[in-house]
Amino acid sequence: MAPWPLVLIYGLAGLGYIVTATYLPVLVGAALPNLNSAHVWAVFGLGAAPSCFLWHRLHERLGTRQALRLNLALQALGVGLPVLAPSAAGYLLSAILVGGTFVGTVTIAMPAAQRAAGKAGANMMAIMTVVYGVGQIIGPVLAGSLYAQSHSFNSALLAAAGALLLAIAVSLRL
């Protein structure tokens, strides 16, 4: 995979997952006050725990591009699901999908960064880590701004899902 599009994809992934990861308990508490948000957060963690192994295996079988696209597509679905299905099941599925993919993004992208480092003549892992972090900062700031305008996280979740879909579009252009 080309080095600089990979950096952009990774930054968009950082922005995309962080809105759900940051606001999941708030989202659940506001939308479903009878559902214990700690349980949904635990499901997020349970999805994350085995994901490195799953995504490493899929990466070996499918290759970087296909595994990354599948990962980002499932993540985008998970991020957008509370808007599409604002129910206990929707939030639980969102938690498992986002929890089960965000670490997988790292599992797929970092080896690709190592391979791309020679082409770029740069420390791609360091650059990608910085860009991912910038995405993680922009995501909650954007979400807070959108929430202030609408008093709902729906637009923030859709923007975050859009960032993940944009990452897929960038990967398709390679």
Foldseek 3Di string as FASTA:
>chain_A
DAQPLLLLLLLLLLLQLLLCVPCQLVLCCVLPVVDRSVVLLVLLQVLQVCLLVVLLVVCVVPPLLVSLLVLLLLLLCLLLQCVVPVDPVSSSSSSNSSSNRSVSNVSRSPVVQVVNCVVVVDNSNVSSVVSSVVSSVVLVVVQVVVCVVPVHSNVSSNVSSVSSVVSSVSSVVD
